Amino acid sequence: ASAPAHAQKAAKENVRREIIRSISCPDFVTENNEANDVKALVSVDESGHINLHEINSANPELKSYVIKTLKEMKMKDTTPIGKFVLVVKFRVA
């Protein structure tokens, strides 16, 4: 049996927050004075690995950076989570 809808939604929000906290703004975004968003369709498997299903960004370098970062990440204490949209906004301070 899968978790109730409200529990799944809370789990997605926790994972979304953890991913966004883990992805720092790379130096090349700051140096190039670019502000870009990366939009990804992701899920989390039973072992906590993030599966990337689709990713879009106008900045190929930033897209590659997010792909690499997501592949290296592993969620702790999570149940499998179906596909959801993740938007990472990189802003120059």
Protein backbone atom coordinates (compact mmCIF):
# COMPACT_ATOMS: atom_id res chain seq x y z
CA ALA A 1 0.00 0.00 0.00
CA SER A 2 1.28 3.46 -0.83
CA ALA A 3 1.35 6.33 1.61
CA PRO A 4 -1.73 8.56 1.87
CA ALA A 5 -1.79 11.48 -0.56
CA HIS A 6 -1.01 14.10 2.13
CA ALA A 7 1.99 12.04 3.33
CA GLN A 8 3.30 11.72 -0.25
CA LYS A 9 2.91 15.47 -0.75
CA ALA A 10 4.81 16.22 2.47
CA ALA A 11 7.56 13.77 1.48
CA LYS A 12 7.91 15.47 -1.94
CA GLU A 13 8.20 18.88 -0.30
CA ASN A 14 10.88 17.61 2.10
CA VAL A 15 12.88 16.09 -0.77
CA ARG A 16 12.43 19.22 -2.90
CA ARG A 17 13.75 21.42 -0.06
CA GLU A 18 16.68 19.09 0.63
CA ILE A 19 17.70 19.03 -3.05
CA ILE A 20 17.50 22.81 -3.41
CA ARG A 21 19.54 23.29 -0.22
CA SER A 22 22.17 20.88 -1.55
CA ILE A 23 22.65 22.61 -4.90
CA SER A 24 24.80 25.69 -4.47
CA CYS A 25 25.05 28.42 -7.06
CA PRO A 26 28.17 27.60 -9.11
CA ASP A 27 30.86 30.23 -9.63
CA PHE A 28 30.29 30.42 -13.38
CA VAL A 29 26.75 31.75 -12.83
CA THR A 30 28.08 34.53 -10.60
CA GLU A 31 31.01 35.36 -12.88
CA ASN A 32 28.87 35.45 -16.00
CA ASN A 33 26.21 37.45 -14.18
CA GLU A 34 23.49 35.08 -15.42
CA ALA A 35 20.24 34.22 -13.70
CA ASN A 36 18.80 30.92 -14.84
CA ASP A 37 16.24 28.36 -13.81
CA VAL A 38 16.65 24.64 -14.24
CA LYS A 39 13.45 22.62 -14.39
CA ALA A 40 13.66 18.86 -13.84
CA LEU A 41 11.27 15.94 -13.58
CA VAL A 42 12.62 13.66 -10.85
CA SER A 43 11.64 10.74 -8.64
CA VAL A 44 13.23 9.00 -5.68
CA ASP A 45 13.72 5.21 -5.61
CA GLU A 46 13.56 2.90 -2.59
CA SER A 47 17.31 3.28 -1.95
CA GLY A 48 17.06 7.10 -1.83
CA HIS A 49 18.66 7.75 -5.21
CA ILE A 50 17.25 10.56 -7.33
CA ASN A 51 16.16 9.52 -10.80
CA LEU A 52 16.20 12.23 -13.44
CA HIS A 53 13.50 11.77 -16.08
CA GLU A 54 13.72 15.11 -17.88
CA ILE A 55 15.64 18.36 -17.48
CA ASN A 56 15.47 21.74 -19.19
CA SER A 57 17.52 24.91 -18.98
CA ALA A 58 18.55 27.67 -21.35
CA ASN A 59 22.08 27.34 -19.91
CA PRO A 60 23.75 24.04 -21.00
CA GLU A 61 26.56 24.44 -18.44
CA LEU A 62 24.07 24.90 -15.61
CA LYS A 63 22.00 21.96 -16.87
CA SER A 64 25.10 19.71 -16.79
CA TYR A 65 25.96 20.95 -13.29
CA VAL A 66 22.49 20.05 -11.96
CA ILE A 67 22.56 16.61 -13.65
CA LYS A 68 25.94 15.85 -12.06
CA THR A 69 24.81 17.07 -8.62
CA LEU A 70 21.58 15.06 -8.69
CA LYS A 71 23.44 11.88 -9.68
CA GLU A 72 25.72 12.27 -6.66
CA MET A 73 22.89 12.87 -4.18
CA LYS A 74 21.15 10.31 -2.01
CA MET A 75 18.17 11.05 0.20
CA LYS A 76 18.26 9.71 3.75
CA ASP A 77 15.22 8.24 5.49
CA THR A 78 12.82 8.54 2.59
CA THR A 79 10.26 6.31 0.99
CA PRO A 80 10.05 6.02 -2.81
CA ILE A 81 8.48 9.10 -4.36
CA GLY A 82 6.90 9.20 -7.81
CA LYS A 83 7.76 11.76 -10.46
CA PHE A 84 7.50 15.42 -9.51
CA VAL A 85 8.70 18.73 -10.94
CA LEU A 86 11.68 20.41 -9.34
CA VAL A 87 12.60 23.99 -10.23
CA VAL A 88 16.02 25.23 -9.13
CA LYS A 89 16.41 29.01 -9.42
CA PHE A 90 19.96 30.33 -9.59
CA ARG A 91 20.19 34.04 -8.84
CA VAL A 92 23.21 36.29 -8.74
CA ALA A 93 23.39 38.15 -5.42
